[in-house]
C-alpha atoms as a PDB file:
ATOM      1  CA  MET A   1      78.237 -28.419  41.608  1.00  0.00           C
ATOM      2  CA  GLY A   2      77.522 -31.845  40.447  1.00  0.00           C
ATOM      3  CA  GLY A   3      75.495 -34.906  41.204  1.00  0.00           C
ATOM      4  CA  LEU A   4      73.865 -34.867  44.616  1.00  0.00           C
ATOM      5  CA  ALA A   5      74.603 -31.187  45.358  1.00  0.00           C
ATOM      6  CA  ALA A   6      72.913 -30.086  42.122  1.00  0.00           C
ATOM      7  CA  ALA A   7      69.887 -32.270  42.840  1.00  0.00           C
ATOM      8  CA  VAL A   8      69.552 -30.867  46.360  1.00  0.00           C
ATOM      9  CA  GLY A   9      69.887 -27.308  45.022  1.00  0.00           C
ATOM     10  CA  VAL A  10      67.151 -27.833  42.445  1.00  0.00           C
ATOM     11  CA  ALA A  11      64.900 -29.469  45.049  1.00  0.00           C
ATOM     12  CA  LEU A  12      65.438 -26.562  47.461  1.00  0.00           C
ATOM     13  CA  ILE A  13      64.619 -23.970  44.808  1.00  0.00           C
ATOM     14  CA  ASN A  14      61.502 -25.946  43.843  1.00  0.00           C
ATOM     15  CA  SER A  15      60.382 -26.224  47.473  1.00  0.00           C
ATOM     16  CA  ILE A  16      60.773 -22.488  48.095  1.00  0.00           C
ATOM     17  CA  GLY A  17      58.850 -21.717  44.910  1.00  0.00           C
ATOM     18  CA  ASN A  18      56.044 -24.064  45.891  1.00  0.00           C
ATOM     19  CA  MET A  19      55.798 -22.514  49.368  1.00  0.00           C
ATOM     20  CA  GLY A  20      55.564 -19.068  47.779  1.00  0.00           C
ATOM     21  CA  GLY A  21      52.827 -20.278  45.471  1.00  0.00           C
ATOM     22  CA  PHE A  22      50.909 -21.682  48.432  1.00  0.00           C
ATOM     23  CA  PHE A  23      51.369 -18.916  51.010  1.00  0.00           C
ATOM     24  CA  GLY A  24      51.387 -15.900  48.649  1.00  0.00           C
ATOM     25  CA  PRO A  25      47.644 -15.911  47.903  1.00  0.00           C
ATOM     26  CA  TYR A  26      46.794 -16.463  51.574  1.00  0.00           C
ATOM     27  CA  ILE A  27      49.003 -13.559  52.674  1.00  0.00           C
ATOM     28  CA  MET A  28      47.599 -11.378  49.912  1.00  0.00           C
ATOM     29  CA  GLY A  29      44.008 -12.232  50.880  1.00  0.00           C
ATOM     30  CA  TRP A  30      44.650 -11.710  54.595  1.00  0.00           C
ATOM     31  CA  LEU A  31      46.252  -8.305  53.996  1.00  0.00           C
ATOM     32  CA  LYS A  32      43.433  -7.323  51.622  1.00  0.00           C
ATOM     33  CA  SER A  33      40.748  -8.220  54.172  1.00  0.00           C
ATOM     34  CA  THR A  34      42.684  -6.587  57.025  1.00  0.00           C
ATOM     35  CA  THR A  35      43.408  -3.295  55.252  1.00  0.00           C
ATOM     36  CA  ALA A  36      40.595  -3.271  52.642  1.00  0.00           C
ATOM     37  CA  ASP A  37      43.192  -2.416  49.996  1.00  0.00           C
ATOM     38  CA  TYR A  38      45.326  -4.443  47.603  1.00  0.00           C
ATOM     39  CA  ARG A  39      48.206  -1.965  47.805  1.00  0.00           C
ATOM     40  CA  VAL A  40      49.548  -3.235  51.147  1.00  0.00           C
ATOM     41  CA  GLY A  41      49.579  -6.839  49.948  1.00  0.00           C
ATOM     42  CA  LEU A  42      51.333  -5.897  46.737  1.00  0.00           C
ATOM     43  CA  ASP A  43      53.874  -3.857  48.709  1.00  0.00           C
ATOM     44  CA  VAL A  44      54.614  -6.845  50.950  1.00  0.00           C
ATOM     45  CA  LEU A  45      55.009  -9.178  47.983  1.00  0.00           C
ATOM     46  CA  ALA A  46      57.251  -6.618  46.241  1.00  0.00           C
ATOM     47  CA  LEU A  47      59.359  -6.352  49.396  1.00  0.00           C
ATOM     48  CA  VAL A  48      59.797 -10.139  49.461  1.00  0.00           C
ATOM     49  CA  LEU A  49      60.892  -9.998  45.819  1.00  0.00           C
ATOM     50  CA  VAL A  50      63.445  -7.243  46.520  1.00  0.00           C
ATOM     51  CA  VAL A  51      64.828  -9.088  49.562  1.00  0.00           C
ATOM     52  CA  GLY A  52      65.189 -12.251  47.466  1.00  0.00           C
ATOM     53  CA  ALA A  53      66.991 -10.357  44.703  1.00  0.00           C
ATOM     54  CA  GLY A  54      69.299  -8.766  47.282  1.00  0.00           C
ATOM     55  CA  ALA A  55      70.082 -12.165  48.781  1.00  0.00           C
ATOM     56  CA  MET A  56      70.858 -13.497  45.311  1.00  0.00           C
ATOM     57  CA  VAL A  57      73.272 -10.623  44.642  1.00  0.00           C
ATOM     58  CA  LEU A  58      75.015 -11.182  47.987  1.00  0.00           C
ATOM     59  CA  VAL A  59      75.416 -14.907  47.390  1.00  0.00           C
ATOM     60  CA  ARG A  60      76.684 -14.280  43.884  1.00  0.00           C
ATOM     61  CA  ALA A  61      79.198 -11.682  45.129  1.00  0.00           C
ATOM     62  CA  ASP A  62      80.372 -14.112  47.829  1.00  0.00           C
ATOM     63  CA  LYS A  63      80.878 -16.887  45.280  1.00  0.00           C
ATOM     64  CA  THR A  64      82.750 -14.525  42.954  1.00  0.00           C
ATOM     65  CA  ALA A  65      85.048 -13.403  45.773  1.00  0.00           C
ATOM     66  CA  GLU A  66      85.623 -17.038  46.732  1.00  0.00           C
ATOM     67  CA  MET A  67      86.600 -17.930  43.152  1.00  0.00           C
ATOM     68  CA  VAL A  68      88.996 -14.976  42.914  1.00  0.00           C
ATOM     69  CA  ALA A  69      90.659 -15.948  46.222  1.00  0.00           C
ATOM     70  CA  HIS A  70      91.519 -19.396  44.871  1.00  0.00           C
END
């Protein structure tokens, strides 16, 4: 990637990170007040982390397969 594509990629990653920083505490607080326990909120945030890591692995595997095909 170069130029515009790299800039858009960095901006997208930044935007997703900022949304997580904004919504994460609200979700955590809502789950804590709903369930009266921090465990559920931490489980949800851990699940989001695992899903993100899985998506990263899938994208990486797809890119690797694409490079091998060429």
